[in-house]
Amino acid sequence: MIMHYKSNLKLLVLSLVAMVFVFCGEEFVTKEFKNGVVDANFFLNETHAEQALTAVYDIISQKGLYREAIVLLGDAISDDINELTGDNGDYGTYFRAGSDYRWEPSNPFSTARWYDGYKGVFRANILLEKLPDIEMDESLKARFAGEAKFLRALFYHNLVNAFGDVPFVTSVLSREEYNELARTDKNTIYAQMEQDLIDAAAVLPIEAGDPVGRATKGAANALLGRIYMYQNKWQESVNASMAVVNQGTYQLVPSEEYITLFNGNNENSVESILEYQSVAQAPGFWGASSENFYSIHWSPVIGWANWYSPSPGSYQQFEEGDIRRKASVLVVDANPPDSIDTNGDGIREQFPSGNMNSSYFNGANTRKWLPEGKNMTQANSFDVNFIILRYAEVLLNLAEAQNELGNSAEALELVNMIRRRAQAPEFTETGQDALRQSIREERRRELVFEGQRFYDLQRWGLAAEVLGPLGYVVGRHEYWPVPNAELDLMENLTQYPN
């Protein structure tokens, strides 16, 4: 089966089906085409359905989702990334604009989030509309529908995080219907996300099988638990997260393997629930359709790679002996010194020394997502998977929800599971307020540079307090502005939520 996984063959499939998804206007589907792929001769059999589902998965690898925008929209605008992040070149300028809170509708990362997110929603909608009429195995059809619903929920999750109330679409639209779209209350969209994930969890398998990287029952429940948590639906979040725990499929990797979750040496591990499957040489890092992860831009061996520099607070938060600090950040003059293999020769080099020639702000370099043990001067070596969902986050979601429900003993044990793996002292407080603060601090430590910090501060109501000194303004920086071109197409759409 062809799915979104580490294979360049996927790109050939996508070139075949992309025509169906890029052109959605009525004029396209009513013209008579003698050759090629069109609506009339596609969606006829299982192979077509499989190829169409592959095209939905492909959005995960796009600029606006987990290849690039996740690091700007989730972290670079938070207190985990230095506000002095680099401004070399076009992309560096836009990173700096994000962290400086100069948010313009032309920022290529926010615009990519909008267009790629909706491209994914539209592809999922087309597949879900066509699936019922395709002659194929009914159980496989149900699984494909579950995967499409999971992905649609994931795309809407990213859109709502970035833009708030967004246009809501669950069917294939005509050009006129598209032009009439306006913002929809995000509570309505959350309700659809919940239902999509409940439907997906009911039909998806426990194991992804072959190929790796597909949505599973655990992925659906893990994302559902997060989405409930974002809405303060604590009991529902507990129920969904406990479904992941009780499944018995996942566990925390041992302490000595923690760093391998993020450097390409332990991809799709027992802790991983869903990963963006980064691909080398597909077709090359600088190509528009590249599927290497973006971490080349903080490689310590490339002089301009300073667009994602850790803030002092991001690494000073770790207690002495916490293994996560060395796995997350390279620090100048650390004691004992930090070291990393940057050229694939198996020799760990002290940081910074030798061929390491990046510019370092505040004496540190982001380490998560660097392809340790490969030649970091080669852009196509950066085929490190990005973890979208992992078991440690599920435990933290569960701990937060349990504490909010007053179940402090259960919450304390959950967060201490994370602490023990990190080789950090266990927490002992059981008061709800104190434990809430500890869980929030632990979430920042465990998930640093995983694209969640800004959204956590937002949902906790702490963004103004924490980010205000960096330039965040209430009423202006909760959400990104909609791209101007969309306002020209949709006269009912506003640049910001009301």
Protein backbone atom coordinates (compact mmCIF):
# COMPACT_ATOMS: atom_id res chain seq x y z
CA MET A 1 0.00 0.00 0.00
CA ILE A 2 1.23 3.47 -0.87
CA MET A 3 0.95 5.92 2.03
CA HIS A 4 2.82 8.88 3.47
CA TYR A 5 6.10 7.28 4.50
CA LYS A 6 9.78 7.33 3.63
CA SER A 7 9.58 6.51 -0.05
CA ASN A 8 10.13 8.70 -3.07
CA LEU A 9 7.64 6.54 -4.95
CA LYS A 10 4.93 8.52 -3.15
CA LEU A 11 5.86 11.60 -5.12
CA LEU A 12 5.07 9.83 -8.37
CA VAL A 13 1.63 8.91 -7.10
CA LEU A 14 0.97 12.47 -5.98
CA SER A 15 1.83 13.85 -9.40
CA LEU A 16 -1.00 11.70 -10.75
CA VAL A 17 -3.67 12.65 -8.25
CA ALA A 18 -2.75 16.28 -7.58
CA MET A 19 -4.76 17.43 -10.58
CA VAL A 20 -7.94 16.20 -8.94
CA PHE A 21 -7.34 18.21 -5.79
CA VAL A 22 -5.76 21.41 -7.02
CA PHE A 23 -8.53 22.35 -9.42
CA CYS A 24 -11.85 22.42 -7.61
CA GLY A 25 -13.85 24.86 -9.74
CA GLU A 26 -16.90 23.77 -11.71
CA GLU A 27 -15.29 24.71 -15.00
CA PHE A 28 -12.58 22.12 -14.50
CA VAL A 29 -14.89 19.21 -13.71
CA THR A 30 -17.33 19.93 -16.53
CA LYS A 31 -14.76 20.06 -19.33
CA GLU A 32 -14.28 16.93 -21.38
CA PHE A 33 -10.72 15.65 -21.05
CA LYS A 34 -9.59 12.95 -23.45
CA ASN A 35 -6.46 12.07 -21.48
CA GLY A 36 -5.23 12.27 -17.90
CA VAL A 37 -6.87 12.06 -14.50
CA VAL A 38 -10.24 13.79 -14.03
CA ASP A 39 -13.20 13.35 -11.75
CA ALA A 40 -15.01 11.10 -14.22
CA ASN A 41 -12.28 8.48 -14.44
CA PHE A 42 -10.94 8.61 -10.90
CA PHE A 43 -12.36 7.30 -7.58
CA LEU A 44 -13.40 4.10 -9.32
CA ASN A 45 -11.58 1.44 -7.29
CA GLU A 46 -9.49 0.67 -4.23
CA THR A 47 -6.26 1.81 -5.86
CA HIS A 48 -7.74 5.22 -6.61
CA ALA A 49 -9.01 5.55 -3.05
CA GLU A 50 -5.58 4.61 -1.76
CA GLN A 51 -3.87 7.20 -3.94
CA ALA A 52 -6.35 9.86 -2.89
CA LEU A 53 -5.72 9.08 0.78
CA THR A 54 -1.99 9.37 0.14
CA ALA A 55 -2.63 12.88 -1.17
CA VAL A 56 -4.41 13.77 2.09
CA TYR A 57 -1.49 12.46 4.14
CA ASP A 58 0.93 14.44 2.01
CA ILE A 59 -0.27 17.69 3.60
CA ILE A 60 1.45 16.68 6.85
CA SER A 61 4.77 17.20 5.07
CA GLN A 62 3.91 20.62 3.65
CA LYS A 63 5.42 23.96 4.70
CA GLY A 64 2.30 25.11 6.51
CA LEU A 65 2.05 22.04 8.74
CA TYR A 66 4.89 19.95 10.15
CA ARG A 67 7.81 20.64 7.82
CA GLU A 68 8.25 24.32 8.67
CA ALA A 69 5.40 26.41 10.10
CA ILE A 70 5.07 24.30 13.26
CA VAL A 71 8.37 25.69 14.58
CA LEU A 72 7.49 29.33 13.96
CA LEU A 73 3.80 29.37 14.87
CA GLY A 74 4.16 27.08 17.89
CA ASP A 75 7.53 28.00 19.37
CA ALA A 76 9.41 30.91 17.76
CA ILE A 77 6.67 33.30 18.97
CA SER A 78 6.94 31.93 22.52
CA ASP A 79 9.35 32.47 25.38
CA ASP A 80 11.31 29.34 24.39
CA ILE A 81 12.95 31.01 21.40
CA ASN A 82 15.19 34.06 21.72
CA GLU A 83 13.62 37.27 20.44
CA LEU A 84 16.98 37.94 18.75
CA THR A 85 16.53 34.96 16.45
CA GLY A 86 18.39 35.57 13.20
CA ASP A 87 17.25 37.70 10.29
CA ASN A 88 19.54 36.47 7.52
CA GLY A 89 17.83 35.91 4.21
CA ASP A 90 14.13 36.04 3.43
CA TYR A 91 13.01 33.25 5.72
CA GLY A 92 15.14 34.46 8.61
CA THR A 93 13.49 37.86 8.28
CA TYR A 94 10.06 36.29 8.67
CA PHE A 95 11.19 34.26 11.67
CA ARG A 96 12.41 37.47 13.27
CA ALA A 97 9.15 39.21 12.41
CA GLY A 98 7.23 36.44 14.15
CA SER A 99 9.28 36.52 17.35
CA ASP A 100 9.17 40.35 17.33
CA TYR A 101 5.33 40.24 17.03
CA ARG A 102 5.36 42.06 13.71
CA TRP A 103 2.62 39.79 12.39
CA GLU A 104 1.67 40.61 8.82
CA PRO A 105 -0.76 38.74 6.56
CA SER A 106 2.10 38.24 4.10
CA ASN A 107 4.26 36.16 6.45
CA PRO A 108 5.00 33.01 4.39
CA PHE A 109 4.68 30.69 7.38
CA SER A 110 1.22 31.85 8.45
CA THR A 111 -0.01 32.00 4.86
CA ALA A 112 1.31 28.49 4.29
CA ARG A 113 -0.58 27.32 7.39
CA TRP A 114 -3.80 28.72 5.90
CA TYR A 115 -3.39 27.36 2.38
CA ASP A 116 -1.91 23.99 3.28
CA GLY A 117 -4.40 23.47 6.09
CA TYR A 118 -7.34 24.08 3.79
CA LYS A 119 -5.77 22.07 1.00
CA GLY A 120 -5.75 19.15 3.43
CA VAL A 121 -9.35 19.79 4.51
CA PHE A 122 -10.53 19.94 0.90
CA ARG A 123 -8.69 16.75 -0.04
CA ALA A 124 -10.18 14.93 2.93
CA ASN A 125 -13.65 16.21 2.05
CA ILE A 126 -13.36 15.01 -1.54
CA LEU A 127 -12.26 11.54 -0.45
CA LEU A 128 -15.01 11.27 2.16
CA GLU A 129 -17.61 12.28 -0.41
CA LYS A 130 -16.40 9.80 -3.03
CA LEU A 131 -15.64 6.79 -0.80
CA PRO A 132 -19.21 5.50 -0.36
CA ASP A 133 -19.59 4.88 -4.10
CA ILE A 134 -16.25 3.12 -4.63
CA GLU A 135 -16.38 -0.65 -5.01
CA MET A 136 -13.84 -2.01 -2.54
CA ASP A 137 -13.56 -4.02 0.65
CA GLU A 138 -15.95 -2.44 3.17
CA SER A 139 -13.63 -2.78 6.17
CA LEU A 140 -10.82 -1.11 4.24
CA LYS A 141 -13.23 1.60 3.09
CA ALA A 142 -14.16 2.26 6.72
CA ARG A 143 -10.48 2.51 7.66
CA PHE A 144 -9.78 4.96 4.83
CA ALA A 145 -12.72 7.09 5.97
CA GLY A 146 -11.40 6.99 9.54
CA GLU A 147 -7.96 8.11 8.41
CA ALA A 148 -9.43 10.94 6.35
CA LYS A 149 -11.51 12.11 9.33
CA PHE A 150 -8.49 11.95 11.62
CA LEU A 151 -6.47 14.03 9.18
CA ARG A 152 -9.28 16.55 8.71
CA ALA A 153 -9.41 17.01 12.48
CA LEU A 154 -5.63 17.44 12.60
CA PHE A 155 -5.74 20.08 9.87
CA TYR A 156 -8.57 21.98 11.54
CA HIS A 157 -6.71 21.80 14.86
CA ASN A 158 -3.77 23.58 13.23
CA LEU A 159 -6.01 26.13 11.50
CA VAL A 160 -7.95 27.01 14.65
CA ASN A 161 -4.72 27.31 16.66
CA ALA A 162 -3.31 29.80 14.18
CA PHE A 163 -6.42 31.77 13.12
CA GLY A 164 -9.19 31.17 15.67
CA ASP A 165 -12.67 31.10 14.15
CA VAL A 166 -12.04 29.98 10.58
CA PRO A 167 -14.27 29.08 7.61
CA PHE A 168 -15.78 25.66 8.23
CA VAL A 169 -16.12 23.23 5.33
CA THR A 170 -17.07 19.55 5.46
CA SER A 171 -18.25 19.04 1.88
CA VAL A 172 -17.06 19.70 -1.66
CA LEU A 173 -17.96 23.28 -2.60
CA SER A 174 -18.69 25.04 -5.84
CA ARG A 175 -16.72 28.17 -6.61
CA GLU A 176 -19.72 30.30 -5.62
CA GLU A 177 -20.11 28.49 -2.28
CA TYR A 178 -16.41 28.95 -1.58
CA ASN A 179 -16.69 32.68 -2.22
CA GLU A 180 -19.49 32.94 0.36
CA LEU A 181 -17.44 31.47 3.22
CA ALA A 182 -16.96 33.41 6.43
CA ARG A 183 -15.61 32.71 9.89
CA THR A 184 -17.38 30.02 11.92
CA ASP A 185 -17.40 29.94 15.72
CA LYS A 186 -14.52 27.65 16.64
CA ASN A 187 -16.77 25.78 19.08
CA THR A 188 -18.66 24.44 16.06
CA ILE A 189 -15.37 23.37 14.50
CA TYR A 190 -14.23 21.74 17.74
CA ALA A 191 -17.46 19.75 17.80
CA GLN A 192 -16.70 18.44 14.31
CA MET A 193 -13.12 17.62 15.29
CA GLU A 194 -14.41 15.67 18.26
CA GLN A 195 -16.88 13.70 16.15
CA ASP A 196 -14.30 13.01 13.45
CA LEU A 197 -11.86 11.64 16.01
CA ILE A 198 -14.51 9.56 17.79
CA ASP A 199 -15.47 8.09 14.41
CA ALA A 200 -11.81 7.49 13.55
CA ALA A 201 -10.99 5.80 16.86
CA ALA A 202 -13.89 3.39 16.33
CA VAL A 203 -12.51 2.01 13.05
CA LEU A 204 -8.76 2.58 13.03
CA PRO A 205 -6.39 -0.28 13.91
CA ILE A 206 -4.19 -0.38 16.98
CA GLU A 207 -1.05 -0.82 14.88
CA ALA A 208 -0.28 1.28 11.80
CA GLY A 209 1.15 -1.74 10.03
CA ASP A 210 3.06 -1.34 6.79
CA PRO A 211 3.69 1.38 5.77
CA VAL A 212 4.51 3.21 8.95
CA GLY A 213 3.17 6.70 9.61
CA ARG A 214 -0.55 6.06 9.27
CA ALA A 215 -3.17 7.15 11.77
CA THR A 216 -4.14 4.60 14.41
CA LYS A 217 -6.69 4.24 17.19
CA GLY A 218 -4.09 5.58 19.61
CA ALA A 219 -3.45 8.64 17.44
CA ALA A 220 -7.16 9.44 17.22
CA ASN A 221 -7.66 9.18 20.99
CA ALA A 222 -4.43 11.08 21.75
CA LEU A 223 -5.46 14.00 19.55
CA LEU A 224 -8.99 13.84 20.94
CA GLY A 225 -7.61 14.08 24.48
CA ARG A 226 -5.60 17.15 23.50
CA ILE A 227 -8.55 18.83 21.81
CA TYR A 228 -10.79 18.23 24.84
CA MET A 229 -8.04 19.66 27.05
CA TYR A 230 -7.84 22.80 24.88
CA GLN A 231 -11.52 23.36 25.65
CA ASN A 232 -11.20 22.62 29.39
CA LYS A 233 -13.37 19.54 28.97
CA TRP A 234 -11.43 17.77 31.67
CA GLN A 235 -13.40 14.55 32.14
CA GLU A 236 -13.65 13.99 28.39
CA SER A 237 -9.92 14.57 28.10
CA VAL A 238 -9.28 12.01 30.84
CA ASN A 239 -11.48 9.47 29.09
CA ALA A 240 -9.77 9.89 25.71
CA SER A 241 -6.26 9.92 27.17
CA MET A 242 -7.00 6.87 29.34
CA ALA A 243 -8.08 5.04 26.19
CA VAL A 244 -4.53 5.52 24.92
CA VAL A 245 -3.00 4.36 28.21
CA ASN A 246 -5.29 1.35 28.54
CA GLN A 247 -4.53 0.28 25.00
CA GLY A 248 -1.13 -0.85 26.31
CA THR A 249 0.64 -0.11 23.03
CA TYR A 250 2.85 2.78 24.11
CA GLN A 251 5.43 3.41 26.79
CA LEU A 252 8.15 5.91 27.63
CA VAL A 253 11.51 5.02 26.16
CA PRO A 254 14.29 4.51 28.75
CA SER A 255 16.31 7.49 29.95
CA GLU A 256 19.35 6.51 27.93
CA GLU A 257 17.28 6.52 24.73
CA TYR A 258 15.50 9.82 25.29
CA ILE A 259 17.72 11.85 22.95
CA THR A 260 17.18 9.32 20.16
CA LEU A 261 13.52 10.32 19.95
CA PHE A 262 14.59 13.57 18.31
CA ASN A 263 17.82 12.95 16.37
CA GLY A 264 16.69 10.42 13.78
CA ASN A 265 18.09 7.36 15.56
CA ASN A 266 14.85 5.99 17.03
CA GLU A 267 12.04 7.00 14.73
CA ASN A 268 8.52 5.59 15.17
CA SER A 269 9.52 4.23 18.56
CA VAL A 270 7.36 2.67 21.23
CA GLU A 271 6.77 6.19 22.61
CA SER A 272 5.76 7.64 19.27
CA ILE A 273 2.07 7.80 18.35
CA LEU A 274 2.28 9.79 15.11
CA GLU A 275 5.25 11.27 13.27
CA TYR A 276 5.78 13.36 10.16
CA GLN A 277 7.83 10.95 8.06
CA SER A 278 10.61 13.16 6.73
CA VAL A 279 12.20 12.03 3.47
CA ALA A 280 15.76 12.63 2.24
CA GLN A 281 16.38 13.63 -1.40
CA ALA A 282 12.68 14.27 -2.03
CA PRO A 283 13.46 16.06 -4.27
CA GLY A 284 16.02 18.17 -2.40
CA PHE A 285 15.87 20.48 0.59
CA TRP A 286 15.52 23.73 -1.30
CA GLY A 287 12.76 22.48 -3.59
CA ALA A 288 9.21 23.67 -2.97
CA SER A 289 8.05 20.08 -2.49
CA SER A 290 10.96 19.02 -0.28
CA GLU A 291 10.14 16.74 2.62
CA ASN A 292 13.27 17.21 4.73
CA PHE A 293 12.50 18.69 8.14
CA TYR A 294 13.39 22.32 8.74
CA SER A 295 16.10 21.80 11.35
CA ILE A 296 18.86 22.67 8.88
CA HIS A 297 18.10 26.23 9.95
CA TRP A 298 19.57 25.64 13.38
CA SER A 299 22.44 23.38 12.36
CA PRO A 300 25.51 24.37 14.41
CA VAL A 301 27.83 23.88 11.42
CA ILE A 302 26.16 26.36 9.07
CA GLY A 303 27.00 30.02 9.66
CA TRP A 304 23.58 31.44 8.86
CA ALA A 305 21.68 28.78 10.81
CA ASN A 306 20.53 30.99 13.68
CA TRP A 307 16.83 31.42 13.02
CA TYR A 308 15.65 29.28 15.90
CA SER A 309 17.86 30.14 18.85
CA PRO A 310 16.85 28.95 22.33
CA SER A 311 16.09 31.59 24.93
CA PRO A 312 17.98 31.44 28.24
CA GLY A 313 14.76 30.44 29.96
CA SER A 314 14.32 27.43 27.70
CA TYR A 315 17.43 25.76 29.10
CA GLN A 316 17.79 27.41 32.50
CA GLN A 317 14.47 25.80 33.47
CA PHE A 318 16.09 22.37 33.74
CA GLU A 319 17.37 21.21 37.10
CA GLU A 320 20.86 19.80 37.42
CA GLY A 321 20.93 16.21 36.21
CA ASP A 322 17.77 16.47 34.10
CA ILE A 323 18.70 14.55 30.95
CA ARG A 324 16.28 16.55 28.83
CA ARG A 325 18.46 19.65 28.86
CA LYS A 326 21.28 17.98 26.92
CA ALA A 327 18.77 16.36 24.58
CA SER A 328 17.11 19.70 23.83
CA VAL A 329 19.79 22.41 23.89
CA LEU A 330 23.53 22.68 23.24
CA VAL A 331 25.00 25.17 25.72
CA VAL A 332 28.37 26.91 25.49
CA ASP A 333 30.64 26.22 28.49
CA ALA A 334 28.35 23.56 29.92
CA ASN A 335 29.94 21.49 32.66
CA PRO A 336 30.66 18.81 31.60
CA PRO A 337 30.84 20.16 28.04
CA ASP A 338 28.06 19.37 25.56
CA SER A 339 29.12 17.37 22.53
CA ILE A 340 27.54 16.20 19.28
CA ASP A 341 28.51 14.28 16.14
CA THR A 342 27.88 16.71 13.28
CA ASN A 343 29.59 14.97 10.37
CA GLY A 344 28.71 11.30 10.72
CA ASP A 345 32.19 10.03 11.59
CA GLY A 346 31.08 8.72 14.98
CA ILE A 347 33.23 11.23 16.86
CA ARG A 348 31.42 13.52 19.26
CA GLU A 349 32.82 17.01 19.12
CA GLN A 350 32.68 19.51 21.97
CA PHE A 351 30.19 22.30 21.42
CA PRO A 352 31.15 24.75 20.03
CA SER A 353 34.43 23.86 18.41
CA GLY A 354 36.01 22.63 15.20
CA ASN A 355 33.66 22.96 12.25
CA MET A 356 30.83 24.49 14.29
CA ASN A 357 30.50 28.01 12.96
CA SER A 358 26.93 29.15 13.63
CA SER A 359 26.13 32.39 15.36
CA TYR A 360 24.94 31.71 18.91
CA PHE A 361 22.62 34.00 20.80
CA ASN A 362 22.94 33.75 24.57
CA GLY A 363 25.47 30.95 24.18
CA ALA A 364 23.15 28.15 23.05
CA ASN A 365 21.86 26.22 20.03
CA THR A 366 18.67 24.23 19.66
CA ARG A 367 19.48 20.50 19.60
CA LYS A 368 16.09 18.83 19.14
CA TRP A 369 15.53 17.59 15.59
CA LEU A 370 19.19 17.77 14.56
CA PRO A 371 20.22 14.61 12.62
CA GLU A 372 22.98 13.48 14.91
CA GLY A 373 25.48 11.15 13.26
CA LYS A 374 24.99 12.64 9.77
CA ASN A 375 26.85 15.28 7.80
CA MET A 376 25.06 18.46 8.82
CA THR A 377 26.62 20.47 6.01
CA GLN A 378 24.38 18.57 3.57
CA ALA A 379 20.82 19.89 3.49
CA ASN A 380 19.40 16.57 2.36
CA SER A 381 20.70 14.90 5.52
CA PHE A 382 17.98 16.57 7.57
CA ASP A 383 15.42 13.80 7.14
CA VAL A 384 14.61 13.70 10.86
CA ASN A 385 11.01 12.82 11.69
CA PHE A 386 8.98 15.37 13.64
CA ILE A 387 6.86 13.80 16.39
CA ILE A 388 3.28 15.06 16.19
CA LEU A 389 1.91 12.95 19.05
CA ARG A 390 3.82 10.97 21.66
CA TYR A 391 3.02 9.09 24.83
CA ALA A 392 4.76 11.54 27.15
CA GLU A 393 2.37 14.27 26.03
CA VAL A 394 -0.61 11.98 26.62
CA LEU A 395 0.56 11.43 30.21
CA LEU A 396 0.96 15.18 30.72
CA ASN A 397 -2.47 15.86 29.22
CA LEU A 398 -3.91 13.26 31.55
CA ALA A 399 -2.08 14.70 34.56
CA GLU A 400 -3.38 18.20 33.83
CA ALA A 401 -6.94 17.01 33.36
CA GLN A 402 -6.90 14.83 36.49
CA ASN A 403 -5.58 17.69 38.58
CA GLU A 404 -8.28 20.03 37.31
CA LEU A 405 -10.83 17.42 38.36
CA GLY A 406 -9.33 17.35 41.85
CA ASN A 407 -7.66 13.94 41.46
CA SER A 408 -4.28 15.12 42.71
CA ALA A 409 -2.87 11.69 43.63
CA GLU A 410 -3.44 10.36 40.12
CA ALA A 411 -2.07 13.56 38.58
CA LEU A 412 1.03 13.47 40.78
CA GLU A 413 1.92 9.91 39.79
CA LEU A 414 1.49 10.69 36.09
CA VAL A 415 3.77 13.70 36.11
CA ASN A 416 6.31 11.82 38.24
CA MET A 417 6.48 9.11 35.58
CA ILE A 418 7.87 11.83 33.31
CA ARG A 419 10.16 13.12 36.05
CA ARG A 420 11.61 9.70 36.80
CA ARG A 421 12.45 9.10 33.17
CA ALA A 422 14.14 12.53 33.07
CA GLN A 423 16.17 11.56 36.18
CA ALA A 424 14.76 14.61 37.95
CA PRO A 425 13.52 14.65 41.58
CA GLU A 426 9.89 13.62 41.96
CA PHE A 427 7.26 16.18 42.88
CA THR A 428 5.57 15.80 46.25
CA GLU A 429 2.97 18.58 46.44
CA THR A 430 -0.67 17.54 46.20
CA GLY A 431 -2.45 20.88 46.51
CA GLN A 432 -4.31 21.60 43.29
CA ASP A 433 -2.86 25.08 42.68
CA ALA A 434 0.74 24.09 43.41
CA LEU A 435 0.44 20.90 41.37
CA ARG A 436 -1.11 22.84 38.48
CA GLN A 437 1.95 25.07 38.37
CA SER A 438 4.29 22.08 38.54
CA ILE A 439 2.49 20.28 35.72
CA ARG A 440 2.65 23.38 33.54
CA GLU A 441 6.36 23.78 34.19
CA GLU A 442 6.94 20.11 33.48
CA ARG A 443 5.03 20.37 30.22
CA ARG A 444 7.34 23.15 29.10
CA ARG A 445 10.43 21.10 29.93
CA GLU A 446 9.25 17.89 28.32
CA LEU A 447 7.77 19.40 25.14
CA VAL A 448 10.22 22.22 24.53
CA PHE A 449 10.65 22.93 20.78
CA GLU A 450 7.81 20.55 19.86
CA GLY A 451 5.48 23.29 18.63
CA GLN A 452 3.18 23.57 21.68
CA ARG A 453 4.46 26.29 23.99
CA PHE A 454 2.63 29.29 22.48
CA TYR A 455 -0.69 27.43 22.38
CA ASP A 456 -0.26 26.26 25.97
CA LEU A 457 0.28 29.83 27.16
CA GLN A 458 -2.77 30.92 25.22
CA ARG A 459 -5.14 28.31 26.63
CA TRP A 460 -3.84 28.87 30.18
CA GLY A 461 -4.53 32.59 29.86
CA LEU A 462 -0.86 33.38 30.49
CA ALA A 463 0.21 34.71 27.09
CA ALA A 464 -0.08 38.38 28.03
CA GLU A 465 1.82 37.90 31.29
CA VAL A 466 4.64 35.78 29.85
CA LEU A 467 4.91 37.19 26.35
CA GLY A 468 3.87 40.81 26.96
CA PRO A 469 7.47 41.88 27.69
CA LEU A 470 8.45 40.38 24.32
CA GLY A 471 5.86 42.39 22.36
CA TYR A 472 2.67 40.35 22.61
CA VAL A 473 -0.43 42.58 22.69
CA VAL A 474 -3.86 41.40 23.82
CA GLY A 475 -6.39 41.74 21.03
CA ARG A 476 -3.69 41.60 18.35
CA HIS A 477 -1.54 38.52 18.81
CA GLU A 478 -3.90 35.77 19.84
CA TYR A 479 -4.21 34.83 16.16
CA TRP A 480 -2.50 35.50 12.85
CA PRO A 481 -4.18 37.67 10.19
CA VAL A 482 -5.80 35.92 7.24
CA PRO A 483 -3.86 36.27 3.95
CA ASN A 484 -5.05 39.30 1.98
CA ALA A 485 -5.75 37.25 -1.13
CA GLU A 486 -8.43 35.30 0.76
CA LEU A 487 -10.22 38.52 1.68
CA ASP A 488 -10.44 39.34 -2.01
CA LEU A 489 -12.04 35.96 -2.73
CA MET A 490 -14.38 35.79 0.27
CA GLU A 491 -16.17 39.07 0.85
CA ASN A 492 -17.70 37.80 4.11
CA LEU A 493 -14.33 36.90 5.63
CA THR A 494 -12.61 39.21 8.13
CA GLN A 495 -8.88 39.47 8.67
CA TYR A 496 -9.20 38.76 12.41
CA PRO A 497 -11.86 37.03 14.53
CA ASN A 498 -14.52 39.37 15.88
